[in-house]
């Protein structure tokens, strides 16, 4: 009985890990999206600025600071 419950919990936990992983198509903090980070660090030009302006989908408070959230446009 305990093994069955343990296996069920393990399966549910694994499903949660797999399906809760966010991708860049979700509205998320910009540094959670590798493509956005790469653009911000490696391609600092007007095109990147325009991409970020179009990609902004909100803000979030983290450690007392407002952080930009983006949707993948990169």
PDB file of N, CA and C in Angstrom:
ATOM      1  N   UNK A   1       0.832  -1.197   0.000  1.00  0.00           N
ATOM      2  CA  UNK A   1       0.000   0.000   0.000  1.00  0.00           C
ATOM      3  C   UNK A   1       0.873   1.257   0.000  1.00  0.00           C
ATOM      4  N   UNK A   2       1.875   1.281   0.873  1.00  0.00           N
ATOM      5  CA  UNK A   2       2.756   2.447   0.951  1.00  0.00           C
ATOM      6  C   UNK A   2       3.491   2.656  -0.367  1.00  0.00           C
ATOM      7  N   UNK A   3       3.916   1.574  -1.010  1.00  0.00           N
ATOM      8  CA  UNK A   3       4.629   1.691  -2.282  1.00  0.00           C
ATOM      9  C   UNK A   3       3.747   2.321  -3.350  1.00  0.00           C
ATOM     10  N   UNK A   4       2.479   1.941  -3.403  1.00  0.00           N
ATOM     11  CA  UNK A   4       1.568   2.493  -4.394  1.00  0.00           C
ATOM     12  C   UNK A   4       1.377   3.996  -4.190  1.00  0.00           C
ATOM     13  N   UNK A   5       1.212   4.385  -2.944  1.00  0.00           N
ATOM     14  CA  UNK A   5       1.046   5.811  -2.634  1.00  0.00           C
ATOM     15  C   UNK A   5       2.315   6.565  -2.988  1.00  0.00           C
ATOM     16  N   UNK A   6       3.449   6.004  -2.645  1.00  0.00           N
ATOM     17  CA  UNK A   6       4.737   6.643  -2.935  1.00  0.00           C
ATOM     18  C   UNK A   6       4.928   6.797  -4.444  1.00  0.00           C
ATOM     19  N   UNK A   7       4.620   5.759  -5.216  1.00  0.00           N
ATOM     20  CA  UNK A   7       4.755   5.815  -6.667  1.00  0.00           C
ATOM     21  C   UNK A   7       3.800   6.862  -7.247  1.00  0.00           C
ATOM     22  N   UNK A   8       2.581   6.918  -6.753  1.00  0.00           N
ATOM     23  CA  UNK A   8       1.622   7.927  -7.226  1.00  0.00           C
ATOM     24  C   UNK A   8       2.125   9.339  -6.950  1.00  0.00           C
ATOM     25  N   UNK A   9       2.643   9.562  -5.759  1.00  0.00           N
ATOM     26  CA  UNK A   9       3.175  10.880  -5.413  1.00  0.00           C
ATOM     27  C   UNK A   9       4.388  11.224  -6.271  1.00  0.00           C
ATOM     28  N   UNK A  10       5.222  10.243  -6.527  1.00  0.00           N
ATOM     29  CA  UNK A  10       6.390  10.464  -7.364  1.00  0.00           C
ATOM     30  C   UNK A  10       5.971  10.837  -8.790  1.00  0.00           C
ATOM     31  N   UNK A  11       4.982  10.153  -9.318  1.00  0.00           N
ATOM     32  CA  UNK A  11       4.483  10.458 -10.659  1.00  0.00           C
ATOM     33  C   UNK A  11       3.887  11.864 -10.696  1.00  0.00           C
ATOM     34  N   UNK A  12       3.094  12.217  -9.699  1.00  0.00           N
ATOM     35  CA  UNK A  12       2.501  13.557  -9.652  1.00  0.00           C
ATOM     36  C   UNK A  12       3.579  14.635  -9.542  1.00  0.00           C
ATOM     37  N   UNK A  13       4.573  14.379  -8.737  1.00  0.00           N
ATOM     38  CA  UNK A  13       5.666  15.343  -8.577  1.00  0.00           C
ATOM     39  C   UNK A  13       6.415  15.516  -9.903  1.00  0.00           C
ATOM     40  N   UNK A  14       6.681  14.425 -10.581  1.00  0.00           N
ATOM     41  CA  UNK A  14       7.374  14.487 -11.865  1.00  0.00           C
ATOM     42  C   UNK A  14       6.544  15.245 -12.896  1.00  0.00           C
ATOM     43  N   UNK A  15       5.259  14.981 -12.945  1.00  0.00           N
ATOM     44  CA  UNK A  15       4.379  15.708 -13.870  1.00  0.00           C
ATOM     45  C   UNK A  15       4.387  17.199 -13.561  1.00  0.00           C
ATOM     46  N   UNK A  16       4.367  17.541 -12.304  1.00  0.00           N
ATOM     47  CA  UNK A  16       4.419  18.943 -11.906  1.00  0.00           C
ATOM     48  C   UNK A  16       5.706  19.589 -12.391  1.00  0.00           C
ATOM     49  N   UNK A  17       6.828  18.904 -12.247  1.00  0.00           N
ATOM     50  CA  UNK A  17       8.103  19.455 -12.697  1.00  0.00           C
ATOM     51  C   UNK A  17       8.114  19.648 -14.208  1.00  0.00           C
ATOM     52  N   UNK A  18       7.603  18.675 -14.930  1.00  0.00           N
ATOM     53  CA  UNK A  18       7.623  18.742 -16.391  1.00  0.00           C
ATOM     54  C   UNK A  18       6.698  19.827 -16.909  1.00  0.00           C
ATOM     55  N   UNK A  19       5.489  19.885 -16.404  1.00  0.00           N
ATOM     56  CA  UNK A  19       4.501  20.812 -16.949  1.00  0.00           C
ATOM     57  C   UNK A  19       4.549  22.204 -16.329  1.00  0.00           C
ATOM     58  N   UNK A  20       5.301  22.384 -15.261  1.00  0.00           N
ATOM     59  CA  UNK A  20       5.393  23.716 -14.671  1.00  0.00           C
ATOM     60  C   UNK A  20       6.596  24.481 -15.184  1.00  0.00           C
ATOM     61  N   UNK A  21       7.454  23.843 -15.976  1.00  0.00           N
ATOM     62  CA  UNK A  21       8.588  24.543 -16.550  1.00  0.00           C
ATOM     63  C   UNK A  21       8.050  25.583 -17.522  1.00  0.00           C
ATOM     64  N   UNK A  22       8.470  26.799 -17.306  1.00  0.00           N
ATOM     65  CA  UNK A  22       7.964  27.878 -18.153  1.00  0.00           C
ATOM     66  C   UNK A  22       8.880  28.040 -19.344  1.00  0.00           C
ATOM     67  N   UNK A  23       8.323  28.411 -20.439  1.00  0.00           N
ATOM     68  CA  UNK A  23       9.151  28.717 -21.592  1.00  0.00           C
ATOM     69  C   UNK A  23       9.015  30.200 -21.894  1.00  0.00           C
ATOM     70  N   UNK A  24       9.731  30.644 -22.885  1.00  0.00           N
ATOM     71  CA  UNK A  24       9.759  32.078 -23.170  1.00  0.00           C
ATOM     72  C   UNK A  24       8.452  32.593 -23.754  1.00  0.00           C
ATOM     73  N   UNK A  25       7.502  31.721 -24.029  1.00  0.00           N
ATOM     74  CA  UNK A  25       6.203  32.169 -24.522  1.00  0.00           C
ATOM     75  C   UNK A  25       5.286  32.596 -23.384  1.00  0.00           C
ATOM     76  N   UNK A  26       5.673  32.288 -22.156  1.00  0.00           N
ATOM     77  CA  UNK A  26       4.925  32.725 -20.990  1.00  0.00           C
ATOM     78  C   UNK A  26       5.385  34.125 -20.598  1.00  0.00           C
ATOM     79  N   UNK A  27       4.513  34.882 -19.972  1.00  0.00           N
ATOM     80  CA  UNK A  27       4.909  36.173 -19.430  1.00  0.00           C
ATOM     81  C   UNK A  27       5.721  35.898 -18.173  1.00  0.00           C
ATOM     82  N   UNK A  28       7.006  36.220 -18.231  1.00  0.00           N
ATOM     83  CA  UNK A  28       7.893  35.901 -17.111  1.00  0.00           C
ATOM     84  C   UNK A  28       8.990  36.952 -16.973  1.00  0.00           C
ATOM     85  N   UNK A  29       9.660  36.937 -15.845  1.00  0.00           N
ATOM     86  CA  UNK A  29      10.757  37.863 -15.603  1.00  0.00           C
ATOM     87  C   UNK A  29      11.803  37.655 -16.692  1.00  0.00           C
ATOM     88  N   UNK A  30      12.306  38.759 -17.234  1.00  0.00           N
ATOM     89  CA  UNK A  30      13.154  38.663 -18.430  1.00  0.00           C
ATOM     90  C   UNK A  30      14.360  37.764 -18.261  1.00  0.00           C
ATOM     91  N   UNK A  31      14.955  37.711 -17.067  1.00  0.00           N
ATOM     92  CA  UNK A  31      16.157  36.886 -16.926  1.00  0.00           C
ATOM     93  C   UNK A  31      15.841  35.402 -16.754  1.00  0.00           C
ATOM     94  N   UNK A  32      14.562  35.041 -16.772  1.00  0.00           N
ATOM     95  CA  UNK A  32      14.177  33.630 -16.787  1.00  0.00           C
ATOM     96  C   UNK A  32      14.172  33.069 -18.203  1.00  0.00           C
ATOM     97  N   UNK A  33      14.276  33.927 -19.175  1.00  0.00           N
ATOM     98  CA  UNK A  33      14.251  33.531 -20.589  1.00  0.00           C
ATOM     99  C   UNK A  33      15.646  33.744 -21.178  1.00  0.00           C
ATOM    100  N   UNK A  34      16.315  32.658 -21.526  1.00  0.00           N
ATOM    101  CA  UNK A  34      17.691  32.742 -22.025  1.00  0.00           C
ATOM    102  C   UNK A  34      17.810  33.647 -23.243  1.00  0.00           C
ATOM    103  N   UNK A  35      16.856  33.586 -24.159  1.00  0.00           N
ATOM    104  CA  UNK A  35      16.916  34.419 -25.362  1.00  0.00           C
ATOM    105  C   UNK A  35      16.895  35.906 -25.003  1.00  0.00           C
ATOM    106  N   UNK A  36      16.074  36.283 -24.043  1.00  0.00           N
ATOM    107  CA  UNK A  36      16.009  37.688 -23.623  1.00  0.00           C
ATOM    108  C   UNK A  36      17.313  38.117 -22.959  1.00  0.00           C
ATOM    109  N   UNK A  37      17.868  37.253 -22.129  1.00  0.00           N
ATOM    110  CA  UNK A  37      19.139  37.570 -21.452  1.00  0.00           C
ATOM    111  C   UNK A  37      20.245  37.732 -22.491  1.00  0.00           C
ATOM    112  N   UNK A  38      20.302  36.820 -23.448  1.00  0.00           N
ATOM    113  CA  UNK A  38      21.327  36.905 -24.486  1.00  0.00           C
ATOM    114  C   UNK A  38      21.220  38.212 -25.266  1.00  0.00           C
ATOM    115  N   UNK A  39      20.001  38.599 -25.621  1.00  0.00           N
ATOM    116  CA  UNK A  39      19.819  39.867 -26.331  1.00  0.00           C
ATOM    117  C   UNK A  39      20.249  41.047 -25.460  1.00  0.00           C
ATOM    118  N   UNK A  40      19.867  41.029 -24.210  1.00  0.00           N
ATOM    119  CA  UNK A  40      20.180  42.146 -23.318  1.00  0.00           C
ATOM    120  C   UNK A  40      21.691  42.289 -23.103  1.00  0.00           C
ATOM    121  N   UNK A  41      22.385  41.163 -23.035  1.00  0.00           N
ATOM    122  CA  UNK A  41      23.828  41.228 -22.776  1.00  0.00           C
ATOM    123  C   UNK A  41      24.670  41.357 -24.036  1.00  0.00           C
ATOM    124  N   UNK A  42      24.285  40.671 -25.105  1.00  0.00           N
ATOM    125  CA  UNK A  42      25.168  40.559 -26.260  1.00  0.00           C
ATOM    126  C   UNK A  42      24.810  41.472 -27.422  1.00  0.00           C
ATOM    127  N   UNK A  43      23.574  41.914 -27.491  1.00  0.00           N
ATOM    128  CA  UNK A  43      23.127  42.722 -28.639  1.00  0.00           C
ATOM    129  C   UNK A  43      22.491  44.011 -28.146  1.00  0.00           C
ATOM    130  N   UNK A  44      23.291  44.875 -27.586  1.00  0.00           N
ATOM    131  CA  UNK A  44      22.772  46.125 -27.038  1.00  0.00           C
ATOM    132  C   UNK A  44      22.712  47.176 -28.140  1.00  0.00           C
ATOM    133  N   UNK A  45      21.569  47.192 -28.845  1.00  0.00           N
ATOM    134  CA  UNK A  45      21.384  48.153 -29.928  1.00  0.00           C
ATOM    135  C   UNK A  45      19.914  48.567 -29.989  1.00  0.00           C
ATOM    136  N   UNK A  46      19.577  49.383 -30.962  1.00  0.00           N
ATOM    137  CA  UNK A  46      18.200  49.884 -31.088  1.00  0.00           C
ATOM    138  C   UNK A  46      17.205  48.763 -31.380  1.00  0.00           C
ATOM    139  N   UNK A  47      17.640  47.768 -32.153  1.00  0.00           N
ATOM    140  CA  UNK A  47      16.749  46.645 -32.470  1.00  0.00           C
ATOM    141  C   UNK A  47      16.360  45.892 -31.200  1.00  0.00           C
ATOM    142  N   UNK A  48      17.317  45.658 -30.327  1.00  0.00           N
ATOM    143  CA  UNK A  48      17.037  44.970 -29.063  1.00  0.00           C
ATOM    144  C   UNK A  48      16.108  45.807 -28.193  1.00  0.00           C
ATOM    145  N   UNK A  49      16.337  47.113 -28.171  1.00  0.00           N
ATOM    146  CA  UNK A  49      15.463  48.005 -27.394  1.00  0.00           C
ATOM    147  C   UNK A  49      14.026  47.904 -27.892  1.00  0.00           C
ATOM    148  N   UNK A  50      13.840  47.885 -29.214  1.00  0.00           N
ATOM    149  CA  UNK A  50      12.497  47.770 -29.782  1.00  0.00           C
ATOM    150  C   UNK A  50      11.876  46.411 -29.466  1.00  0.00           C
ATOM    151  N   UNK A  51      12.686  45.342 -29.519  1.00  0.00           N
ATOM    152  CA  UNK A  51      12.175  44.013 -29.177  1.00  0.00           C
ATOM    153  C   UNK A  51      11.671  43.975 -27.742  1.00  0.00           C
ATOM    154  N   UNK A  52      12.449  44.553 -26.810  1.00  0.00           N
ATOM    155  CA  UNK A  52      12.034  44.571 -25.411  1.00  0.00           C
ATOM    156  C   UNK A  52      10.782  45.406 -25.219  1.00  0.00           C
ATOM    157  N   UNK A  53      10.674  46.524 -25.929  1.00  0.00           N
ATOM    158  CA  UNK A  53       9.475  47.358 -25.811  1.00  0.00           C
ATOM    159  C   UNK A  53       8.231  46.598 -26.256  1.00  0.00           C
ATOM    160  N   UNK A  54       8.355  45.779 -27.308  1.00  0.00           N
ATOM    161  CA  UNK A  54       7.228  44.990 -27.793  1.00  0.00           C
ATOM    162  C   UNK A  54       6.947  43.780 -26.903  1.00  0.00           C
ATOM    163  N   UNK A  55       7.982  43.271 -26.246  1.00  0.00           N
ATOM    164  CA  UNK A  55       7.850  42.032 -25.471  1.00  0.00           C
ATOM    165  C   UNK A  55       7.355  42.249 -24.043  1.00  0.00           C
ATOM    166  N   UNK A  56       7.398  43.476 -23.541  1.00  0.00           N
ATOM    167  CA  UNK A  56       7.001  43.740 -22.159  1.00  0.00           C
ATOM    168  C   UNK A  56       5.542  43.368 -21.956  1.00  0.00           C
ATOM    169  N   UNK A  57       5.298  42.567 -20.913  1.00  0.00           N
ATOM    170  CA  UNK A  57       3.923  42.142 -20.627  1.00  0.00           C
ATOM    171  C   UNK A  57       3.528  42.458 -19.192  1.00  0.00           C
ATOM    172  N   UNK A  58       4.417  43.121 -18.465  1.00  0.00           N
ATOM    173  CA  UNK A  58       4.097  43.495 -17.097  1.00  0.00           C
ATOM    174  C   UNK A  58       5.346  43.632 -16.248  1.00  0.00           C
ATOM    175  N   UNK A  59       5.123  43.793 -14.962  1.00  0.00           N
ATOM    176  CA  UNK A  59       6.229  43.865 -14.011  1.00  0.00           C
ATOM    177  C   UNK A  59       5.892  43.002 -12.804  1.00  0.00           C
ATOM    178  N   UNK A  60       6.909  42.730 -12.017  1.00  0.00           N
ATOM    179  CA  UNK A  60       6.738  41.945 -10.804  1.00  0.00           C
ATOM    180  C   UNK A  60       7.683  42.512  -9.754  1.00  0.00           C
ATOM    181  N   UNK A  61       7.246  42.523  -8.516  1.00  0.00           N
ATOM    182  CA  UNK A  61       8.100  42.992  -7.429  1.00  0.00           C
ATOM    183  C   UNK A  61       8.923  41.810  -6.925  1.00  0.00           C
ATOM    184  N   UNK A  62      10.245  41.978  -6.940  1.00  0.00           N
ATOM    185  CA  UNK A  62      11.140  40.934  -6.456  1.00  0.00           C
ATOM    186  C   UNK A  62      12.201  41.604  -5.588  1.00  0.00           C
ATOM    187  N   UNK A  63      12.275  41.196  -4.344  1.00  0.00           N
ATOM    188  CA  UNK A  63      13.212  41.777  -3.384  1.00  0.00           C
ATOM    189  C   UNK A  63      13.062  43.294  -3.289  1.00  0.00           C
ATOM    190  N   UNK A  64      11.837  43.758  -3.379  1.00  0.00           N
ATOM    191  CA  UNK A  64      11.559  45.179  -3.239  1.00  0.00           C
ATOM    192  C   UNK A  64      11.765  45.995  -4.506  1.00  0.00           C
ATOM    193  N   UNK A  65      12.228  45.363  -5.574  1.00  0.00           N
ATOM    194  CA  UNK A  65      12.456  46.069  -6.835  1.00  0.00           C
ATOM    195  C   UNK A  65      11.442  45.618  -7.883  1.00  0.00           C
ATOM    196  N   UNK A  66      11.090  46.526  -8.763  1.00  0.00           N
ATOM    197  CA  UNK A  66      10.194  46.198  -9.867  1.00  0.00           C
ATOM    198  C   UNK A  66      11.030  45.605 -10.996  1.00  0.00           C
ATOM    199  N   UNK A  67      10.653  44.413 -11.453  1.00  0.00           N
ATOM    200  CA  UNK A  67      11.391  43.706 -12.492  1.00  0.00           C
ATOM    201  C   UNK A  67      10.479  43.538 -13.709  1.00  0.00           C
ATOM    202  N   UNK A  68      11.030  43.770 -14.889  1.00  0.00           N
ATOM    203  CA  UNK A  68      10.263  43.676 -16.133  1.00  0.00           C
ATOM    204  C   UNK A  68       9.986  42.220 -16.480  1.00  0.00           C
ATOM    205  N   UNK A  69       8.749  41.973 -16.921  1.00  0.00           N
ATOM    206  CA  UNK A  69       8.369  40.651 -17.410  1.00  0.00           C
ATOM    207  C   UNK A  69       8.163  40.747 -18.920  1.00  0.00           C
ATOM    208  N   UNK A  70       8.569  39.698 -19.641  1.00  0.00           N
ATOM    209  CA  UNK A  70       8.470  39.701 -21.098  1.00  0.00           C
ATOM    210  C   UNK A  70       7.835  38.427 -21.620  1.00  0.00           C
ATOM    211  N   UNK A  71       7.319  38.517 -22.841  1.00  0.00           N
ATOM    212  CA  UNK A  71       6.877  37.365 -23.617  1.00  0.00           C
ATOM    213  C   UNK A  71       7.854  37.244 -24.765  1.00  0.00           C
ATOM    214  N   UNK A  72       8.179  36.024 -25.149  1.00  0.00           N
ATOM    215  CA  UNK A  72       9.190  35.803 -26.180  1.00  0.00           C
ATOM    216  C   UNK A  72       8.854  36.531 -27.482  1.00  0.00           C
ATOM    217  N   UNK A  73       9.726  37.406 -27.877  1.00  0.00           N
ATOM    218  CA  UNK A  73       9.687  38.060 -29.178  1.00  0.00           C
ATOM    219  C   UNK A  73      11.086  38.010 -29.770  1.00  0.00           C
ATOM    220  N   UNK A  74      11.929  37.182 -29.189  1.00  0.00           N
ATOM    221  CA  UNK A  74      13.351  37.168 -29.540  1.00  0.00           C
ATOM    222  C   UNK A  74      13.648  36.098 -30.529  1.00  0.00           C
TER     223      UNK A  74
END
